[in-house]
Amino acid sequence: MWNYIIPILTLILGLVGGFAIGVWYLKNQMSNMQMDEKQLQQIARSMGMNLNQKQLNQMSRRMQSAKPGKKKK
């Protein structure tokens, strides 16, 4: 009986642990991601928007303030 229970438990724990580590890694990579104005402009154009300099600055500030590690004032 233990020959069936232990492999199943190991599989379940491995899947849960792997998922948790994957989510943590992805969040960590997303918070460290930095975009310059050219990349932001390219993303906006791909969505059908054309941003001027003021809008680019606003977007940059919003992305910097939305990072998970920062505290809002």
PDB file of N, CA and C in Angstrom:
ATOM      1  N   MET A   1       0.811  -1.191   0.000  1.00  0.00           N
ATOM      2  CA  MET A   1       0.000   0.000   0.000  1.00  0.00           C
ATOM      3  C   MET A   1       0.860   1.263   0.000  1.00  0.00           C
ATOM      4  N   TRP A   2       1.925   1.272   0.786  1.00  0.00           N
ATOM      5  CA  TRP A   2       2.821   2.437   0.832  1.00  0.00           C
ATOM      6  C   TRP A   2       3.552   2.624  -0.490  1.00  0.00           C
ATOM      7  N   ASN A   3       3.649   1.560  -1.272  1.00  0.00           N
ATOM      8  CA  ASN A   3       4.292   1.663  -2.584  1.00  0.00           C
ATOM      9  C   ASN A   3       3.482   2.534  -3.546  1.00  0.00           C
ATOM     10  N   TYR A   4       2.217   2.762  -3.260  1.00  0.00           N
ATOM     11  CA  TYR A   4       1.378   3.617  -4.084  1.00  0.00           C
ATOM     12  C   TYR A   4       1.208   5.012  -3.481  1.00  0.00           C
ATOM     13  N   ILE A   5       1.133   5.080  -2.164  1.00  0.00           N
ATOM     14  CA  ILE A   5       0.866   6.355  -1.492  1.00  0.00           C
ATOM     15  C   ILE A   5       2.056   7.299  -1.581  1.00  0.00           C
ATOM     16  N   ILE A   6       3.256   6.824  -1.317  1.00  0.00           N
ATOM     17  CA  ILE A   6       4.441   7.695  -1.291  1.00  0.00           C
ATOM     18  C   ILE A   6       4.726   8.313  -2.658  1.00  0.00           C
ATOM     19  N   PRO A   7       4.706   7.586  -3.757  1.00  0.00           N
ATOM     20  CA  PRO A   7       4.932   8.252  -5.059  1.00  0.00           C
ATOM     21  C   PRO A   7       3.860   9.287  -5.414  1.00  0.00           C
ATOM     22  N   ILE A   8       2.614   9.013  -5.063  1.00  0.00           N
ATOM     23  CA  ILE A   8       1.540   9.963  -5.343  1.00  0.00           C
ATOM     24  C   ILE A   8       1.726  11.228  -4.508  1.00  0.00           C
ATOM     25  N   LEU A   9       2.043  11.076  -3.222  1.00  0.00           N
ATOM     26  CA  LEU A   9       2.296  12.232  -2.363  1.00  0.00           C
ATOM     27  C   LEU A   9       3.503  13.028  -2.847  1.00  0.00           C
ATOM     28  N   THR A  10       4.532  12.344  -3.252  1.00  0.00           N
ATOM     29  CA  THR A  10       5.733  13.018  -3.765  1.00  0.00           C
ATOM     30  C   THR A  10       5.408  13.806  -5.028  1.00  0.00           C
ATOM     31  N   LEU A  11       4.622  13.223  -5.909  1.00  0.00           N
ATOM     32  CA  LEU A  11       4.218  13.913  -7.127  1.00  0.00           C
ATOM     33  C   LEU A  11       3.415  15.169  -6.808  1.00  0.00           C
ATOM     34  N   ILE A  12       2.450  15.049  -5.915  1.00  0.00           N
ATOM     35  CA  ILE A  12       1.611  16.192  -5.550  1.00  0.00           C
ATOM     36  C   ILE A  12       2.448  17.286  -4.903  1.00  0.00           C
ATOM     37  N   LEU A  13       3.319  16.927  -3.967  1.00  0.00           N
ATOM     38  CA  LEU A  13       4.171  17.919  -3.318  1.00  0.00           C
ATOM     39  C   LEU A  13       5.130  18.570  -4.308  1.00  0.00           C
ATOM     40  N   GLY A  14       5.647  17.802  -5.247  1.00  0.00           N
ATOM     41  CA  GLY A  14       6.534  18.355  -6.262  1.00  0.00           C
ATOM     42  C   GLY A  14       5.817  19.334  -7.174  1.00  0.00           C
ATOM     43  N   LEU A  15       4.595  19.011  -7.572  1.00  0.00           N
ATOM     44  CA  LEU A  15       3.820  19.909  -8.418  1.00  0.00           C
ATOM     45  C   LEU A  15       3.472  21.209  -7.693  1.00  0.00           C
ATOM     46  N   VAL A  16       3.039  21.094  -6.445  1.00  0.00           N
ATOM     47  CA  VAL A  16       2.695  22.287  -5.669  1.00  0.00           C
ATOM     48  C   VAL A  16       3.935  23.134  -5.428  1.00  0.00           C
ATOM     49  N   GLY A  17       5.041  22.499  -5.041  1.00  0.00           N
ATOM     50  CA  GLY A  17       6.283  23.232  -4.806  1.00  0.00           C
ATOM     51  C   GLY A  17       6.818  23.876  -6.074  1.00  0.00           C
ATOM     52  N   GLY A  18       6.772  23.170  -7.178  1.00  0.00           N
ATOM     53  CA  GLY A  18       7.232  23.716  -8.451  1.00  0.00           C
ATOM     54  C   GLY A  18       6.383  24.891  -8.903  1.00  0.00           C
ATOM     55  N   PHE A  19       5.085  24.793  -8.698  1.00  0.00           N
ATOM     56  CA  PHE A  19       4.193  25.890  -9.057  1.00  0.00           C
ATOM     57  C   PHE A  19       4.492  27.119  -8.204  1.00  0.00           C
ATOM     58  N   ALA A  20       4.673  26.916  -6.888  1.00  0.00           N
ATOM     59  CA  ALA A  20       4.958  28.035  -5.991  1.00  0.00           C
ATOM     60  C   ALA A  20       6.282  28.712  -6.361  1.00  0.00           C
ATOM     61  N   ILE A  21       7.297  27.916  -6.653  1.00  0.00           N
ATOM     62  CA  ILE A  21       8.593  28.484  -7.036  1.00  0.00           C
ATOM     63  C   ILE A  21       8.482  29.200  -8.381  1.00  0.00           C
ATOM     64  N   GLY A  22       7.728  28.654  -9.304  1.00  0.00           N
ATOM     65  CA  GLY A  22       7.529  29.291 -10.603  1.00  0.00           C
ATOM     66  C   GLY A  22       6.825  30.638 -10.496  1.00  0.00           C
ATOM     67  N   VAL A  23       5.799  30.713  -9.652  1.00  0.00           N
ATOM     68  CA  VAL A  23       5.086  31.974  -9.449  1.00  0.00           C
ATOM     69  C   VAL A  23       6.013  33.003  -8.815  1.00  0.00           C
ATOM     70  N   TRP A  24       6.778  32.584  -7.815  1.00  0.00           N
ATOM     71  CA  TRP A  24       7.713  33.507  -7.161  1.00  0.00           C
ATOM     72  C   TRP A  24       8.756  34.017  -8.151  1.00  0.00           C
ATOM     73  N   TYR A  25       9.296  33.137  -8.966  1.00  0.00           N
ATOM     74  CA  TYR A  25      10.307  33.525  -9.938  1.00  0.00           C
ATOM     75  C   TYR A  25       9.742  34.506 -10.971  1.00  0.00           C
ATOM     76  N   LEU A  26       8.535  34.228 -11.448  1.00  0.00           N
ATOM     77  CA  LEU A  26       7.912  35.108 -12.434  1.00  0.00           C
ATOM     78  C   LEU A  26       7.633  36.486 -11.846  1.00  0.00           C
ATOM     79  N   LYS A  27       7.124  36.551 -10.616  1.00  0.00           N
ATOM     80  CA  LYS A  27       6.891  37.840  -9.962  1.00  0.00           C
ATOM     81  C   LYS A  27       8.193  38.598  -9.785  1.00  0.00           C
ATOM     82  N   ASN A  28       9.235  37.881  -9.405  1.00  0.00           N
ATOM     83  CA  ASN A  28      10.539  38.501  -9.209  1.00  0.00           C
ATOM     84  C   ASN A  28      11.066  39.073 -10.523  1.00  0.00           C
ATOM     85  N   GLN A  29      10.952  38.339 -11.607  1.00  0.00           N
ATOM     86  CA  GLN A  29      11.422  38.807 -12.903  1.00  0.00           C
ATOM     87  C   GLN A  29      10.593  39.994 -13.399  1.00  0.00           C
ATOM     88  N   MET A  30       9.294  39.966 -13.180  1.00  0.00           N
ATOM     89  CA  MET A  30       8.441  41.066 -13.615  1.00  0.00           C
ATOM     90  C   MET A  30       8.728  42.340 -12.837  1.00  0.00           C
ATOM     91  N   SER A  31       9.037  42.219 -11.555  1.00  0.00           N
ATOM     92  CA  SER A  31       9.316  43.421 -10.771  1.00  0.00           C
ATOM     93  C   SER A  31      10.669  44.022 -11.141  1.00  0.00           C
ATOM     94  N   ASN A  32      11.588  43.229 -11.649  1.00  0.00           N
ATOM     95  CA  ASN A  32      12.899  43.734 -12.042  1.00  0.00           C
ATOM     96  C   ASN A  32      12.945  44.210 -13.489  1.00  0.00           C
ATOM     97  N   MET A  33      11.858  44.013 -14.217  1.00  0.00           N
ATOM     98  CA  MET A  33      11.838  44.376 -15.620  1.00  0.00           C
ATOM     99  C   MET A  33      11.792  45.900 -15.762  1.00  0.00           C
ATOM    100  N   GLN A  34      12.668  46.420 -16.597  1.00  0.00           N
ATOM    101  CA  GLN A  34      12.694  47.849 -16.844  1.00  0.00           C
ATOM    102  C   GLN A  34      12.464  48.084 -18.328  1.00  0.00           C
ATOM    103  N   MET A  35      11.679  49.106 -18.620  1.00  0.00           N
ATOM    104  CA  MET A  35      11.405  49.445 -20.007  1.00  0.00           C
ATOM    105  C   MET A  35      11.823  50.879 -20.252  1.00  0.00           C
ATOM    106  N   ASP A  36      12.455  51.100 -21.370  1.00  0.00           N
ATOM    107  CA  ASP A  36      12.775  52.472 -21.735  1.00  0.00           C
ATOM    108  C   ASP A  36      11.650  53.032 -22.594  1.00  0.00           C
ATOM    109  N   GLU A  37      11.783  54.290 -22.972  1.00  0.00           N
ATOM    110  CA  GLU A  37      10.702  54.956 -23.700  1.00  0.00           C
ATOM    111  C   GLU A  37      10.439  54.334 -25.069  1.00  0.00           C
ATOM    112  N   LYS A  38      11.482  53.836 -25.709  1.00  0.00           N
ATOM    113  CA  LYS A  38      11.289  53.213 -27.029  1.00  0.00           C
ATOM    114  C   LYS A  38      10.436  51.958 -26.913  1.00  0.00           C
ATOM    115  N   GLN A  39      10.689  51.163 -25.882  1.00  0.00           N
ATOM    116  CA  GLN A  39       9.909  49.942 -25.702  1.00  0.00           C
ATOM    117  C   GLN A  39       8.459  50.279 -25.369  1.00  0.00           C
ATOM    118  N   LEU A  40       8.244  51.284 -24.513  1.00  0.00           N
ATOM    119  CA  LEU A  40       6.882  51.693 -24.178  1.00  0.00           C
ATOM    120  C   LEU A  40       6.143  52.195 -25.417  1.00  0.00           C
ATOM    121  N   GLN A  41       6.822  52.984 -26.227  1.00  0.00           N
ATOM    122  CA  GLN A  41       6.221  53.511 -27.451  1.00  0.00           C
ATOM    123  C   GLN A  41       5.853  52.372 -28.403  1.00  0.00           C
ATOM    124  N   GLN A  42       6.729  51.371 -28.503  1.00  0.00           N
ATOM    125  CA  GLN A  42       6.473  50.229 -29.379  1.00  0.00           C
ATOM    126  C   GLN A  42       5.260  49.429 -28.892  1.00  0.00           C
ATOM    127  N   ILE A  43       5.157  49.228 -27.585  1.00  0.00           N
ATOM    128  CA  ILE A  43       4.010  48.502 -27.030  1.00  0.00           C
ATOM    129  C   ILE A  43       2.722  49.281 -27.285  1.00  0.00           C
ATOM    130  N   ALA A  44       2.778  50.604 -27.077  1.00  0.00           N
ATOM    131  CA  ALA A  44       1.593  51.427 -27.310  1.00  0.00           C
ATOM    132  C   ALA A  44       1.172  51.381 -28.772  1.00  0.00           C
ATOM    133  N   ARG A  45       2.124  51.439 -29.680  1.00  0.00           N
ATOM    134  CA  ARG A  45       1.794  51.379 -31.105  1.00  0.00           C
ATOM    135  C   ARG A  45       1.189  50.034 -31.480  1.00  0.00           C
ATOM    136  N   SER A  46       1.675  48.967 -30.857  1.00  0.00           N
ATOM    137  CA  SER A  46       1.111  47.647 -31.156  1.00  0.00           C
ATOM    138  C   SER A  46      -0.336  47.545 -30.680  1.00  0.00           C
ATOM    139  N   MET A  47      -0.714  48.394 -29.699  1.00  0.00           N
ATOM    140  CA  MET A  47      -2.096  48.416 -29.229  1.00  0.00           C
ATOM    141  C   MET A  47      -2.926  49.478 -29.953  1.00  0.00           C
ATOM    142  N   GLY A  48      -2.307  50.155 -30.935  1.00  0.00           N
ATOM    143  CA  GLY A  48      -3.046  51.119 -31.730  1.00  0.00           C
ATOM    144  C   GLY A  48      -3.051  52.525 -31.170  1.00  0.00           C
ATOM    145  N   MET A  49      -2.157  52.834 -30.224  1.00  0.00           N
ATOM    146  CA  MET A  49      -2.084  54.172 -29.637  1.00  0.00           C
ATOM    147  C   MET A  49      -0.770  54.830 -30.042  1.00  0.00           C
ATOM    148  N   ASN A  50      -0.807  56.129 -30.180  1.00  0.00           N
ATOM    149  CA  ASN A  50       0.401  56.882 -30.449  1.00  0.00           C
ATOM    150  C   ASN A  50       0.580  57.878 -29.297  1.00  0.00           C
ATOM    151  N   LEU A  51       1.588  57.678 -28.453  1.00  0.00           N
ATOM    152  CA  LEU A  51       1.780  58.484 -27.252  1.00  0.00           C
ATOM    153  C   LEU A  51       2.732  59.635 -27.515  1.00  0.00           C
ATOM    154  N   ASN A  52       2.405  60.803 -26.934  1.00  0.00           N
ATOM    155  CA  ASN A  52       3.350  61.912 -26.998  1.00  0.00           C
ATOM    156  C   ASN A  52       4.293  61.834 -25.790  1.00  0.00           C
ATOM    157  N   GLN A  53       5.206  62.763 -25.671  1.00  0.00           N
ATOM    158  CA  GLN A  53       6.238  62.706 -24.624  1.00  0.00           C
ATOM    159  C   GLN A  53       5.623  62.784 -23.227  1.00  0.00           C
ATOM    160  N   LYS A  54       4.610  63.628 -23.052  1.00  0.00           N
ATOM    161  CA  LYS A  54       3.963  63.764 -21.742  1.00  0.00           C
ATOM    162  C   LYS A  54       3.320  62.436 -21.315  1.00  0.00           C
ATOM    163  N   GLN A  55       2.643  61.789 -22.247  1.00  0.00           N
ATOM    164  CA  GLN A  55       2.001  60.515 -21.947  1.00  0.00           C
ATOM    165  C   GLN A  55       3.034  59.432 -21.650  1.00  0.00           C
ATOM    166  N   LEU A  56       4.156  59.453 -22.372  1.00  0.00           N
ATOM    167  CA  LEU A  56       5.230  58.493 -22.096  1.00  0.00           C
ATOM    168  C   LEU A  56       5.780  58.687 -20.694  1.00  0.00           C
ATOM    169  N   ASN A  57       5.979  59.940 -20.287  1.00  0.00           N
ATOM    170  CA  ASN A  57       6.481  60.218 -18.943  1.00  0.00           C
ATOM    171  C   ASN A  57       5.498  59.742 -17.884  1.00  0.00           C
ATOM    172  N   GLN A  58       4.211  59.964 -18.118  1.00  0.00           N
ATOM    173  CA  GLN A  58       3.197  59.507 -17.169  1.00  0.00           C
ATOM    174  C   GLN A  58       3.208  57.988 -17.057  1.00  0.00           C
ATOM    175  N   MET A  59       3.306  57.313 -18.182  1.00  0.00           N
ATOM    176  CA  MET A  59       3.341  55.849 -18.179  1.00  0.00           C
ATOM    177  C   MET A  59       4.563  55.328 -17.433  1.00  0.00           C
ATOM    178  N   SER A  60       5.700  55.959 -17.667  1.00  0.00           N
ATOM    179  CA  SER A  60       6.931  55.542 -16.991  1.00  0.00           C
ATOM    180  C   SER A  60       6.796  55.702 -15.487  1.00  0.00           C
ATOM    181  N   ARG A  61       6.241  56.834 -15.063  1.00  0.00           N
ATOM    182  CA  ARG A  61       6.060  57.060 -13.618  1.00  0.00           C
ATOM    183  C   ARG A  61       5.094  56.053 -13.012  1.00  0.00           C
ATOM    184  N   ARG A  62       4.020  55.748 -13.725  1.00  0.00           N
ATOM    185  CA  ARG A  62       3.051  54.777 -13.214  1.00  0.00           C
ATOM    186  C   ARG A  62       3.667  53.389 -13.086  1.00  0.00           C
ATOM    187  N   MET A  63       4.472  53.014 -14.063  1.00  0.00           N
ATOM    188  CA  MET A  63       5.110  51.694 -14.006  1.00  0.00           C
ATOM    189  C   MET A  63       6.108  51.633 -12.856  1.00  0.00           C
ATOM    190  N   GLN A  64       6.820  52.711 -12.589  1.00  0.00           N
ATOM    191  CA  GLN A  64       7.783  52.725 -11.493  1.00  0.00           C
ATOM    192  C   GLN A  64       7.050  52.674 -10.146  1.00  0.00           C
ATOM    193  N   SER A  65       5.922  53.391 -10.024  1.00  0.00           N
ATOM    194  CA  SER A  65       5.194  53.403  -8.766  1.00  0.00           C
ATOM    195  C   SER A  65       4.406  52.122  -8.542  1.00  0.00           C
ATOM    196  N   ALA A  66       4.162  51.353  -9.586  1.00  0.00           N
ATOM    197  CA  ALA A  66       3.380  50.119  -9.460  1.00  0.00           C
ATOM    198  C   ALA A  66       4.243  48.919  -9.108  1.00  0.00           C
ATOM    199  N   LYS A  67       5.549  49.102  -8.991  1.00  0.00           N
ATOM    200  CA  LYS A  67       6.409  47.962  -8.665  1.00  0.00           C
ATOM    201  C   LYS A  67       6.073  47.453  -7.259  1.00  0.00           C
ATOM    202  N   PRO A  68       6.050  46.136  -7.056  1.00  0.00           N
ATOM    203  CA  PRO A  68       5.615  45.564  -5.784  1.00  0.00           C
ATOM    204  C   PRO A  68       6.467  45.934  -4.590  1.00  0.00           C
ATOM    205  N   GLY A  69       7.739  46.166  -4.775  1.00  0.00           N
ATOM    206  CA  GLY A  69       8.625  46.427  -3.644  1.00  0.00           C
ATOM    207  C   GLY A  69       8.555  47.836  -3.102  1.00  0.00           C
ATOM    208  N   LYS A  70       7.945  48.746  -3.836  1.00  0.00           N
ATOM    209  CA  LYS A  70       7.910  50.137  -3.434  1.00  0.00           C
ATOM    210  C   LYS A  70       6.679  50.434  -2.600  1.00  0.00           C
ATOM    211  N   LYS A  71       6.842  51.362  -1.642  1.00  0.00           N
ATOM    212  CA  LYS A  71       5.718  51.815  -0.833  1.00  0.00           C
ATOM    213  C   LYS A  71       5.208  53.129  -1.384  1.00  0.00           C
ATOM    214  N   LYS A  72       3.892  53.280  -1.395  1.00  0.00           N
ATOM    215  CA  LYS A  72       3.302  54.517  -1.871  1.00  0.00           C
ATOM    216  C   LYS A  72       3.223  55.504  -0.727  1.00  0.00           C
ATOM    217  N   LYS A  73       3.377  56.784  -1.069  1.00  0.00           N
ATOM    218  CA  LYS A  73       3.288  57.848  -0.043  1.00  0.00           C
ATOM    219  C   LYS A  73       1.876  58.307   0.136  1.00  0.00           C
TER     220      LYS A  73
END
